[in-house]
Amino acid sequence: AEAQGDLLACALGMERWAGGRFSYESAADTDGDGSGDADSGPIAATIC
């Protein structure tokens, strides 16, 4: 249930992300700095 809640919170974060960029691209953090830099991978901490 905790992971399900995290997915829902991250989905809201993705909507906020796309609200300013009009795209869901570059939301993954592949270099571990916390911000999005790729389309696929661990979700960026700036999103959730």
All heavy atoms as atom14 arrays in JSON, in Angstrom:
{
  "sequence": "AEAQGDLLACALGMERWAGGRFSYESAADTDGDGSGDADSGPIAATIC",
  "atom14_mask": [
    [1, 1, 1, 1, 1, 0, 0, 0, 0, 0, 0, 0, 0, 0],
    [1, 1, 1, 1, 1, 1, 1, 1, 1, 0, 0, 0, 0, 0],
    [1, 1, 1, 1, 1, 0, 0, 0, 0, 0, 0, 0, 0, 0],
    [1, 1, 1, 1, 1, 1, 1, 1, 1, 0, 0, 0, 0, 0],
    [1, 1, 1, 1, 0, 0, 0, 0, 0, 0, 0, 0, 0, 0],
    [1, 1, 1, 1, 1, 1, 1, 1, 0, 0, 0, 0, 0, 0],
    [1, 1, 1, 1, 1, 1, 1, 1, 0, 0, 0, 0, 0, 0],
    [1, 1, 1, 1, 1, 1, 1, 1, 0, 0, 0, 0, 0, 0],
    [1, 1, 1, 1, 1, 0, 0, 0, 0, 0, 0, 0, 0, 0],
    [1, 1, 1, 1, 1, 1, 0, 0, 0, 0, 0, 0, 0, 0],
    [1, 1, 1, 1, 1, 0, 0, 0, 0, 0, 0, 0, 0, 0],
    [1, 1, 1, 1, 1, 1, 1, 1, 0, 0, 0, 0, 0, 0],
    [1, 1, 1, 1, 0, 0, 0, 0, 0, 0, 0, 0, 0, 0],
    [1, 1, 1, 1, 1, 1, 1, 1, 0, 0, 0, 0, 0, 0],
    [1, 1, 1, 1, 1, 1, 1, 1, 1, 0, 0, 0, 0, 0],
    [1, 1, 1, 1, 1, 1, 1, 1, 1, 1, 1, 0, 0, 0],
    [1, 1, 1, 1, 1, 1, 1, 1, 1, 1, 1, 1, 1, 1],
    [1, 1, 1, 1, 1, 0, 0, 0, 0, 0, 0, 0, 0, 0],
    [1, 1, 1, 1, 0, 0, 0, 0, 0, 0, 0, 0, 0, 0],
    [1, 1, 1, 1, 0, 0, 0, 0, 0, 0, 0, 0, 0, 0],
    [1, 1, 1, 1, 1, 1, 1, 1, 1, 1, 1, 0, 0, 0],
    [1, 1, 1, 1, 1, 1, 1, 1, 1, 1, 1, 0, 0, 0],
    [1, 1, 1, 1, 1, 1, 0, 0, 0, 0, 0, 0, 0, 0],
    [1, 1, 1, 1, 1, 1, 1, 1, 1, 1, 1, 1, 0, 0],
    [1, 1, 1, 1, 1, 1, 1, 1, 1, 0, 0, 0, 0, 0],
    [1, 1, 1, 1, 1, 1, 0, 0, 0, 0, 0, 0, 0, 0],
    [1, 1, 1, 1, 1, 0, 0, 0, 0, 0, 0, 0, 0, 0],
    [1, 1, 1, 1, 1, 0, 0, 0, 0, 0, 0, 0, 0, 0],
    [1, 1, 1, 1, 1, 1, 1, 1, 0, 0, 0, 0, 0, 0],
    [1, 1, 1, 1, 1, 1, 1, 0, 0, 0, 0, 0, 0, 0],
    [1, 1, 1, 1, 1, 1, 1, 1, 0, 0, 0, 0, 0, 0],
    [1, 1, 1, 1, 0, 0, 0, 0, 0, 0, 0, 0, 0, 0],
    [1, 1, 1, 1, 1, 1, 1, 1, 0, 0, 0, 0, 0, 0],
    [1, 1, 1, 1, 0, 0, 0, 0, 0, 0, 0, 0, 0, 0],
    [1, 1, 1, 1, 1, 1, 0, 0, 0, 0, 0, 0, 0, 0],
    [1, 1, 1, 1, 0, 0, 0, 0, 0, 0, 0, 0, 0, 0],
    [1, 1, 1, 1, 1, 1, 1, 1, 0, 0, 0, 0, 0, 0],
    [1, 1, 1, 1, 1, 0, 0, 0, 0, 0, 0, 0, 0, 0],
    [1, 1, 1, 1, 1, 1, 1, 1, 0, 0, 0, 0, 0, 0],
    [1, 1, 1, 1, 1, 1, 0, 0, 0, 0, 0, 0, 0, 0],
    [1, 1, 1, 1, 0, 0, 0, 0, 0, 0, 0, 0, 0, 0],
    [1, 1, 1, 1, 1, 1, 1, 0, 0, 0, 0, 0, 0, 0],
    [1, 1, 1, 1, 1, 1, 1, 1, 0, 0, 0, 0, 0, 0],
    [1, 1, 1, 1, 1, 0, 0, 0, 0, 0, 0, 0, 0, 0],
    [1, 1, 1, 1, 1, 0, 0, 0, 0, 0, 0, 0, 0, 0],
    [1, 1, 1, 1, 1, 1, 1, 0, 0, 0, 0, 0, 0, 0],
    [1, 1, 1, 1, 1, 1, 1, 1, 0, 0, 0, 0, 0, 0],
    [1, 1, 1, 1, 1, 1, 0, 0, 0, 0, 0, 0, 0, 0]
  ],
  "atom14_positions": [
    [[0.84, -1.21, 0.0], [0.0, 0.0, 0.0], [0.87, 1.25, 0.0], [0.53, 2.25, -0.64], [-0.93, 0.0, 1.2], [0.0, 0.0, 0.0], [0.0, 0.0, 0.0], [0.0, 0.0, 0.0], [0.0, 0.0, 0.0], [0.0, 0.0, 0.0], [0.0, 0.0, 0.0], [0.0, 0.0, 0.0], [0.0, 0.0, 0.0], [0.0, 0.0, 0.0]],
    [[1.99, 1.2, 0.7], [2.92, 2.34, 0.7], [3.45, 2.58, -0.72], [3.49, 3.73, -1.18], [4.07, 2.05, 1.66], [5.13, 3.12, 1.69], [6.29, 2.71, 2.57], [6.89, 1.64, 2.34], [6.58, 3.48, 3.51], [0.0, 0.0, 0.0], [0.0, 0.0, 0.0], [0.0, 0.0, 0.0], [0.0, 0.0, 0.0], [0.0, 0.0, 0.0]],
    [[3.82, 1.52, -1.42], [4.32, 1.66, -2.79], [3.22, 2.16, -3.73], [3.48, 2.97, -4.62], [4.89, 0.33, -3.29], [0.0, 0.0, 0.0], [0.0, 0.0, 0.0], [0.0, 0.0, 0.0], [0.0, 0.0, 0.0], [0.0, 0.0, 0.0], [0.0, 0.0, 0.0], [0.0, 0.0, 0.0], [0.0, 0.0, 0.0], [0.0, 0.0, 0.0]],
    [[1.99, 1.7, -3.52], [0.88, 2.18, -4.33], [0.67, 3.68, -4.11], [0.45, 4.43, -5.06], [-0.39, 1.4, -4.0], [-0.34, -0.04, -4.44], [-1.44, -0.89, -3.84], [-2.15, -0.48, -2.92], [-1.58, -2.11, -4.33], [0.0, 0.0, 0.0], [0.0, 0.0, 0.0], [0.0, 0.0, 0.0], [0.0, 0.0, 0.0], [0.0, 0.0, 0.0]],
    [[0.75, 4.1, -2.87], [0.64, 5.53, -2.56], [1.76, 6.32, -3.2], [1.55, 7.44, -3.7], [0.0, 0.0, 0.0], [0.0, 0.0, 0.0], [0.0, 0.0, 0.0], [0.0, 0.0, 0.0], [0.0, 0.0, 0.0], [0.0, 0.0, 0.0], [0.0, 0.0, 0.0], [0.0, 0.0, 0.0], [0.0, 0.0, 0.0], [0.0, 0.0, 0.0]],
    [[2.97, 5.75, -3.2], [4.1, 6.42, -3.86], [3.86, 6.57, -5.35], [4.15, 7.61, -5.94], [5.39, 5.64, -3.63], [5.92, 5.77, -2.21], [5.5, 6.7, -1.49], [6.77, 4.93, -1.83], [0.0, 0.0, 0.0], [0.0, 0.0, 0.0], [0.0, 0.0, 0.0], [0.0, 0.0, 0.0], [0.0, 0.0, 0.0], [0.0, 0.0, 0.0]],
    [[3.31, 5.53, -5.98], [3.02, 5.62, -7.42], [1.98, 6.71, -7.7], [2.11, 7.46, -8.67], [2.56, 4.28, -7.97], [3.62, 3.19, -8.08], [3.01, 1.88, -8.59], [4.77, 3.62, -8.97], [0.0, 0.0, 0.0], [0.0, 0.0, 0.0], [0.0, 0.0, 0.0], [0.0, 0.0, 0.0], [0.0, 0.0, 0.0], [0.0, 0.0, 0.0]],
    [[0.97, 6.79, -6.85], [-0.04, 7.84, -7.04], [0.57, 9.23, -6.85], [0.28, 10.16, -7.62], [-1.21, 7.62, -6.08], [-2.08, 6.39, -6.37], [-3.03, 6.13, -5.22], [-2.83, 6.55, -7.68], [0.0, 0.0, 0.0], [0.0, 0.0, 0.0], [0.0, 0.0, 0.0], [0.0, 0.0, 0.0], [0.0, 0.0, 0.0], [0.0, 0.0, 0.0]],
    [[1.41, 9.38, -5.84], [2.08, 10.68, -5.62], [3.0, 11.02, -6.79], [3.07, 12.18, -7.22], [2.86, 10.66, -4.32], [0.0, 0.0, 0.0], [0.0, 0.0, 0.0], [0.0, 0.0, 0.0], [0.0, 0.0, 0.0], [0.0, 0.0, 0.0], [0.0, 0.0, 0.0], [0.0, 0.0, 0.0], [0.0, 0.0, 0.0], [0.0, 0.0, 0.0]],
    [[3.7, 10.02, -7.31], [4.58, 10.26, -8.45], [3.79, 10.59, -9.71], [4.24, 11.39, -10.54], [5.5, 9.07, -8.68], [6.75, 8.86, -7.39], [0.0, 0.0, 0.0], [0.0, 0.0, 0.0], [0.0, 0.0, 0.0], [0.0, 0.0, 0.0], [0.0, 0.0, 0.0], [0.0, 0.0, 0.0], [0.0, 0.0, 0.0], [0.0, 0.0, 0.0]],
    [[2.6, 9.99, -9.86], [1.74, 10.32, -11.01], [1.31, 11.79, -10.93], [1.31, 12.49, -11.96], [0.52, 9.4, -11.05], [0.0, 0.0, 0.0], [0.0, 0.0, 0.0], [0.0, 0.0, 0.0], [0.0, 0.0, 0.0], [0.0, 0.0, 0.0], [0.0, 0.0, 0.0], [0.0, 0.0, 0.0], [0.0, 0.0, 0.0], [0.0, 0.0, 0.0]],
    [[0.99, 12.26, -9.74], [0.68, 13.68, -9.58], [1.89, 14.54, -9.91], [1.77, 15.59, -10.55], [0.2, 13.97, -8.16], [-1.17, 13.46, -7.8], [-1.45, 13.66, -6.32], [-2.23, 14.12, -8.64], [0.0, 0.0, 0.0], [0.0, 0.0, 0.0], [0.0, 0.0, 0.0], [0.0, 0.0, 0.0], [0.0, 0.0, 0.0], [0.0, 0.0, 0.0]],
    [[3.06, 14.09, -9.49], [4.28, 14.81, -9.83], [4.53, 14.84, -11.33], [4.99, 15.86, -11.87], [0.0, 0.0, 0.0], [0.0, 0.0, 0.0], [0.0, 0.0, 0.0], [0.0, 0.0, 0.0], [0.0, 0.0, 0.0], [0.0, 0.0, 0.0], [0.0, 0.0, 0.0], [0.0, 0.0, 0.0], [0.0, 0.0, 0.0], [0.0, 0.0, 0.0]],
    [[4.22, 13.74, -12.0], [4.36, 13.7, -13.46], [3.41, 14.7, -14.13], [3.77, 15.34, -15.11], [4.11, 12.29, -13.99], [5.19, 11.29, -13.66], [6.78, 11.67, -14.43], [6.41, 11.39, -16.15], [0.0, 0.0, 0.0], [0.0, 0.0, 0.0], [0.0, 0.0, 0.0], [0.0, 0.0, 0.0], [0.0, 0.0, 0.0], [0.0, 0.0, 0.0]],
    [[2.2, 14.83, -13.59], [1.25, 15.79, -14.15], [1.74, 17.22, -13.95], [1.62, 18.06, -14.85], [-0.14, 15.59, -13.54], [-0.79, 14.26, -13.89], [-0.99, 14.04, -15.38], [-1.09, 15.03, -16.15], [-1.05, 12.87, -15.79], [0.0, 0.0, 0.0], [0.0, 0.0, 0.0], [0.0, 0.0, 0.0], [0.0, 0.0, 0.0], [0.0, 0.0, 0.0]],
    [[2.3, 17.5, -12.78], [2.88, 18.84, -12.55], [4.05, 19.07, -13.51], [4.21, 20.16, -14.06], [3.38, 18.97, -11.1], [2.28, 19.22, -10.11], [2.83, 19.59, -8.74], [3.76, 18.62, -8.19], [3.43, 17.56, -7.46], [2.16, 17.34, -7.19], [4.34, 16.75, -7.0], [0.0, 0.0, 0.0], [0.0, 0.0, 0.0], [0.0, 0.0, 0.0]],
    [[4.87, 18.04, -13.69], [6.03, 18.12, -14.6], [5.55, 18.46, -16.01], [6.09, 19.35, -16.67], [6.77, 16.78, -14.58], [7.94, 16.65, -15.48], [7.96, 16.1, -16.72], [9.29, 17.05, -15.2], [9.23, 16.13, -17.24], [10.07, 16.71, -16.31], [9.9, 17.67, -14.12], [11.42, 16.96, -16.39], [11.25, 17.91, -14.19], [12.0, 17.56, -15.31]],
    [[4.54, 17.74, -16.48], [4.04, 17.95, -17.84], [3.27, 19.26, -17.97], [3.2, 19.83, -19.05], [3.14, 16.78, -18.26], [0.0, 0.0, 0.0], [0.0, 0.0, 0.0], [0.0, 0.0, 0.0], [0.0, 0.0, 0.0], [0.0, 0.0, 0.0], [0.0, 0.0, 0.0], [0.0, 0.0, 0.0], [0.0, 0.0, 0.0], [0.0, 0.0, 0.0]],
    [[2.73, 19.75, -16.85], [1.99, 21.01, -16.89], [2.85, 22.18, -17.31], [2.39, 23.11, -17.97], [0.0, 0.0, 0.0], [0.0, 0.0, 0.0], [0.0, 0.0, 0.0], [0.0, 0.0, 0.0], [0.0, 0.0, 0.0], [0.0, 0.0, 0.0], [0.0, 0.0, 0.0], [0.0, 0.0, 0.0], [0.0, 0.0, 0.0], [0.0, 0.0, 0.0]],
    [[4.11, 22.15, -16.97], [5.01, 23.25, -17.33], [5.78, 23.0, -18.62], [6.3, 23.93, -19.23], [0.0, 0.0, 0.0], [0.0, 0.0, 0.0], [0.0, 0.0, 0.0], [0.0, 0.0, 0.0], [0.0, 0.0, 0.0], [0.0, 0.0, 0.0], [0.0, 0.0, 0.0], [0.0, 0.0, 0.0], [0.0, 0.0, 0.0], [0.0, 0.0, 0.0]],
    [[5.83, 21.74, -19.04], [6.64, 21.39, -20.22], [5.81, 20.86, -21.39], [6.33, 20.64, -22.45], [7.66, 20.32, -19.83], [8.7, 20.86, -18.86], [9.51, 19.72, -18.25], [10.48, 20.23, -17.31], [10.22, 20.65, -16.09], [8.98, 20.63, -15.65], [11.16, 21.11, -15.3], [0.0, 0.0, 0.0], [0.0, 0.0, 0.0], [0.0, 0.0, 0.0]],
    [[4.52, 20.56, -21.12], [3.63, 19.99, -22.13], [4.15, 18.66, -22.66], [3.91, 18.3, -23.8], [3.37, 20.98, -23.27], [2.79, 22.27, -22.79], [3.59, 23.39, -22.66], [1.47, 22.34, -22.41], [3.07, 24.59, -22.18], [0.94, 23.54, -21.93], [1.73, 24.66, -21.81], [0.0, 0.0, 0.0], [0.0, 0.0, 0.0], [0.0, 0.0, 0.0]],
    [[4.88, 17.93, -21.8], [5.45, 16.64, -22.18], [5.85, 15.89, -20.91], [6.19, 16.5, -19.9], [6.68, 16.85, -23.06], [7.35, 15.64, -23.28], [0.0, 0.0, 0.0], [0.0, 0.0, 0.0], [0.0, 0.0, 0.0], [0.0, 0.0, 0.0], [0.0, 0.0, 0.0], [0.0, 0.0, 0.0], [0.0, 0.0, 0.0], [0.0, 0.0, 0.0]],
    [[5.83, 14.56, -21.0], [6.29, 13.72, -19.9], [7.76, 13.32, -20.07], [8.26, 12.49, -19.34], [5.44, 12.45, -19.81], [4.0, 12.7, -19.47], [2.99, 12.41, -20.38], [3.64, 13.22, -18.23], [1.65, 12.63, -20.05], [2.31, 13.44, -17.91], [1.33, 13.13, -18.82], [0.01, 13.35, -18.49], [0.0, 0.0, 0.0], [0.0, 0.0, 0.0]],
    [[8.43, 13.9, -21.04], [9.82, 13.52, -21.33], [10.77, 14.02, -20.24], [10.5, 15.0, -19.54], [10.25, 14.1, -22.68], [9.48, 13.49, -23.84], [9.8, 14.16, -25.16], [10.15, 15.35, -25.17], [9.66, 13.48, -26.18], [0.0, 0.0, 0.0], [0.0, 0.0, 0.0], [0.0, 0.0, 0.0], [0.0, 0.0, 0.0], [0.0, 0.0, 0.0]],
    [[11.91, 13.38, -20.15], [13.02, 13.76, -19.27], [12.66, 13.78, -17.79], [13.15, 14.62, -17.05], [13.6, 15.11, -19.69], [14.09, 15.06, -21.0], [0.0, 0.0, 0.0], [0.0, 0.0, 0.0], [0.0, 0.0, 0.0], [0.0, 0.0, 0.0], [0.0, 0.0, 0.0], [0.0, 0.0, 0.0], [0.0, 0.0, 0.0], [0.0, 0.0, 0.0]],
    [[11.84, 12.83, -17.36], [11.46, 12.75, -15.95], [12.29, 11.75, -15.17], [12.16, 11.63, -13.96], [9.98, 12.39, -15.83], [0.0, 0.0, 0.0], [0.0, 0.0, 0.0], [0.0, 0.0, 0.0], [0.0, 0.0, 0.0], [0.0, 0.0, 0.0], [0.0, 0.0, 0.0], [0.0, 0.0, 0.0], [0.0, 0.0, 0.0], [0.0, 0.0, 0.0]],
    [[13.16, 11.03, -15.86], [14.0, 10.02, -15.19], [15.36, 10.61, -14.84], [15.89, 11.45, -15.55], [14.17, 8.81, -16.1], [0.0, 0.0, 0.0], [0.0, 0.0, 0.0], [0.0, 0.0, 0.0], [0.0, 0.0, 0.0], [0.0, 0.0, 0.0], [0.0, 0.0, 0.0], [0.0, 0.0, 0.0], [0.0, 0.0, 0.0], [0.0, 0.0, 0.0]],
    [[15.9, 10.15, -13.74], [17.2, 10.61, -13.25], [18.2, 9.48, -13.41], [18.3, 8.6, -12.56], [17.09, 11.02, -11.78], [18.41, 11.45, -11.19], [19.35, 11.74, -11.95], [18.5, 11.5, -9.95], [0.0, 0.0, 0.0], [0.0, 0.0, 0.0], [0.0, 0.0, 0.0], [0.0, 0.0, 0.0], [0.0, 0.0, 0.0], [0.0, 0.0, 0.0]],
    [[18.96, 9.49, -14.5], [19.91, 8.42, -14.74], [21.3, 8.69, -14.17], [22.11, 7.77, -14.05], [20.05, 8.15, -16.26], [20.46, 9.35, -16.91], [18.73, 7.66, -16.84], [0.0, 0.0, 0.0], [0.0, 0.0, 0.0], [0.0, 0.0, 0.0], [0.0, 0.0, 0.0], [0.0, 0.0, 0.0], [0.0, 0.0, 0.0], [0.0, 0.0, 0.0]],
    [[21.59, 9.93, -13.81], [22.92, 10.22, -13.28], [22.93, 10.45, -11.77], [23.97, 10.76, -11.18], [23.57, 11.4, -14.0], [22.77, 12.68, -13.88], [21.77, 12.71, -13.13], [23.13, 13.66, -14.56], [0.0, 0.0, 0.0], [0.0, 0.0, 0.0], [0.0, 0.0, 0.0], [0.0, 0.0, 0.0], [0.0, 0.0, 0.0], [0.0, 0.0, 0.0]],
    [[21.79, 10.31, -11.11], [21.72, 10.38, -9.66], [21.81, 11.76, -9.05], [22.02, 11.89, -7.84], [0.0, 0.0, 0.0], [0.0, 0.0, 0.0], [0.0, 0.0, 0.0], [0.0, 0.0, 0.0], [0.0, 0.0, 0.0], [0.0, 0.0, 0.0], [0.0, 0.0, 0.0], [0.0, 0.0, 0.0], [0.0, 0.0, 0.0], [0.0, 0.0, 0.0]],
    [[21.59, 12.81, -9.83], [21.68, 14.16, -9.26], [20.33, 14.69, -8.77], [20.25, 15.81, -8.27], [22.3, 15.13, -10.27], [21.43, 15.36, -11.5], [20.38, 14.7, -11.64], [21.81, 16.21, -12.33], [0.0, 0.0, 0.0], [0.0, 0.0, 0.0], [0.0, 0.0, 0.0], [0.0, 0.0, 0.0], [0.0, 0.0, 0.0], [0.0, 0.0, 0.0]],
    [[19.26, 13.91, -8.93], [17.95, 14.33, -8.43], [17.06, 14.99, -9.44], [15.87, 15.16, -9.2], [0.0, 0.0, 0.0], [0.0, 0.0, 0.0], [0.0, 0.0, 0.0], [0.0, 0.0, 0.0], [0.0, 0.0, 0.0], [0.0, 0.0, 0.0], [0.0, 0.0, 0.0], [0.0, 0.0, 0.0], [0.0, 0.0, 0.0], [0.0, 0.0, 0.0]],
    [[17.6, 15.39, -10.59], [16.77, 16.05, -11.59], [16.67, 15.18, -12.84], [17.53, 14.36, -13.12], [17.33, 17.43, -11.94], [18.63, 17.31, -12.44], [0.0, 0.0, 0.0], [0.0, 0.0, 0.0], [0.0, 0.0, 0.0], [0.0, 0.0, 0.0], [0.0, 0.0, 0.0], [0.0, 0.0, 0.0], [0.0, 0.0, 0.0], [0.0, 0.0, 0.0]],
    [[15.6, 15.39, -13.6], [15.35, 14.58, -14.79], [16.32, 14.86, -15.91], [16.65, 16.0, -16.2], [0.0, 0.0, 0.0], [0.0, 0.0, 0.0], [0.0, 0.0, 0.0], [0.0, 0.0, 0.0], [0.0, 0.0, 0.0], [0.0, 0.0, 0.0], [0.0, 0.0, 0.0], [0.0, 0.0, 0.0], [0.0, 0.0, 0.0], [0.0, 0.0, 0.0]],
    [[16.78, 13.77, -16.54], [17.71, 13.9, -17.66], [17.5, 12.85, -18.74], [18.25, 12.79, -19.7], [19.16, 13.84, -17.15], [19.45, 12.58, -16.34], [18.92, 11.52, -16.67], [20.2, 12.7, -15.36], [0.0, 0.0, 0.0], [0.0, 0.0, 0.0], [0.0, 0.0, 0.0], [0.0, 0.0, 0.0], [0.0, 0.0, 0.0], [0.0, 0.0, 0.0]],
    [[16.49, 11.98, -18.58], [16.23, 10.93, -19.57], [14.75, 10.6, -19.55], [14.01, 11.01, -18.65], [17.06, 9.69, -19.25], [0.0, 0.0, 0.0], [0.0, 0.0, 0.0], [0.0, 0.0, 0.0], [0.0, 0.0, 0.0], [0.0, 0.0, 0.0], [0.0, 0.0, 0.0], [0.0, 0.0, 0.0], [0.0, 0.0, 0.0], [0.0, 0.0, 0.0]],
    [[14.31, 9.84, -20.55], [12.9, 9.46, -20.64], [12.57, 8.21, -19.83], [11.44, 8.01, -19.43], [12.5, 9.22, -22.1], [12.56, 10.51, -22.92], [12.55, 11.6, -22.31], [12.62, 10.42, -24.15], [0.0, 0.0, 0.0], [0.0, 0.0, 0.0], [0.0, 0.0, 0.0], [0.0, 0.0, 0.0], [0.0, 0.0, 0.0], [0.0, 0.0, 0.0]],
    [[13.57, 7.34, -19.61], [13.35, 6.08, -18.88], [14.42, 5.9, -17.83], [15.59, 6.16, -18.08], [13.38, 4.9, -19.84], [12.31, 4.97, -20.75], [0.0, 0.0, 0.0], [0.0, 0.0, 0.0], [0.0, 0.0, 0.0], [0.0, 0.0, 0.0], [0.0, 0.0, 0.0], [0.0, 0.0, 0.0], [0.0, 0.0, 0.0], [0.0, 0.0, 0.0]],
    [[13.99, 5.42, -16.66], [14.92, 5.14, -15.57], [14.31, 5.49, -14.24], [13.09, 5.7, -14.13], [0.0, 0.0, 0.0], [0.0, 0.0, 0.0], [0.0, 0.0, 0.0], [0.0, 0.0, 0.0], [0.0, 0.0, 0.0], [0.0, 0.0, 0.0], [0.0, 0.0, 0.0], [0.0, 0.0, 0.0], [0.0, 0.0, 0.0], [0.0, 0.0, 0.0]],
    [[15.13, 5.57, -13.2], [14.61, 5.93, -11.86], [13.97, 7.32, -11.9], [14.5, 8.23, -12.54], [15.85, 5.94, -10.98], [16.9, 5.23, -11.74], [16.57, 5.34, -13.19], [0.0, 0.0, 0.0], [0.0, 0.0, 0.0], [0.0, 0.0, 0.0], [0.0, 0.0, 0.0], [0.0, 0.0, 0.0], [0.0, 0.0, 0.0], [0.0, 0.0, 0.0]],
    [[12.85, 7.45, -11.24], [12.16, 8.74, -11.28], [12.98, 9.8, -10.53], [13.61, 9.52, -9.52], [10.73, 8.64, -10.71], [9.93, 9.87, -11.09], [10.73, 8.38, -9.23], [8.46, 9.66, -11.16], [0.0, 0.0, 0.0], [0.0, 0.0, 0.0], [0.0, 0.0, 0.0], [0.0, 0.0, 0.0], [0.0, 0.0, 0.0], [0.0, 0.0, 0.0]],
    [[12.98, 11.0, -11.07], [13.76, 12.09, -10.49], [13.15, 12.55, -9.17], [11.93, 12.6, -9.02], [13.82, 13.26, -11.47], [0.0, 0.0, 0.0], [0.0, 0.0, 0.0], [0.0, 0.0, 0.0], [0.0, 0.0, 0.0], [0.0, 0.0, 0.0], [0.0, 0.0, 0.0], [0.0, 0.0, 0.0], [0.0, 0.0, 0.0], [0.0, 0.0, 0.0]],
    [[14.0, 12.89, -8.22], [13.54, 13.36, -6.92], [12.79, 14.68, -7.03], [11.97, 14.99, -6.18], [14.73, 13.51, -5.98], [0.0, 0.0, 0.0], [0.0, 0.0, 0.0], [0.0, 0.0, 0.0], [0.0, 0.0, 0.0], [0.0, 0.0, 0.0], [0.0, 0.0, 0.0], [0.0, 0.0, 0.0], [0.0, 0.0, 0.0], [0.0, 0.0, 0.0]],
    [[13.04, 15.44, -8.1], [12.29, 16.69, -8.28], [10.84, 16.42, -8.64], [9.99, 17.3, -8.5], [12.94, 17.55, -9.39], [13.06, 16.78, -10.58], [14.31, 18.05, -8.96], [0.0, 0.0, 0.0], [0.0, 0.0, 0.0], [0.0, 0.0, 0.0], [0.0, 0.0, 0.0], [0.0, 0.0, 0.0], [0.0, 0.0, 0.0], [0.0, 0.0, 0.0]],
    [[10.54, 15.22, -9.11], [9.16, 14.85, -9.45], [8.46, 14.29, -8.21], [7.36, 14.7, -7.89], [9.15, 13.82, -10.59], [9.86, 14.45, -11.76], [7.75, 13.32, -10.85], [9.38, 14.24, -13.08], [0.0, 0.0, 0.0], [0.0, 0.0, 0.0], [0.0, 0.0, 0.0], [0.0, 0.0, 0.0], [0.0, 0.0, 0.0], [0.0, 0.0, 0.0]],
    [[9.1, 13.36, -7.54], [8.55, 12.81, -6.29], [9.64, 12.07, -5.54], [10.59, 11.57, -6.13], [7.36, 11.88, -6.56], [7.81, 10.28, -7.23], [0.0, 0.0, 0.0], [0.0, 0.0, 0.0], [0.0, 0.0, 0.0], [0.0, 0.0, 0.0], [0.0, 0.0, 0.0], [0.0, 0.0, 0.0], [0.0, 0.0, 0.0], [0.0, 0.0, 0.0]]
  ]
}
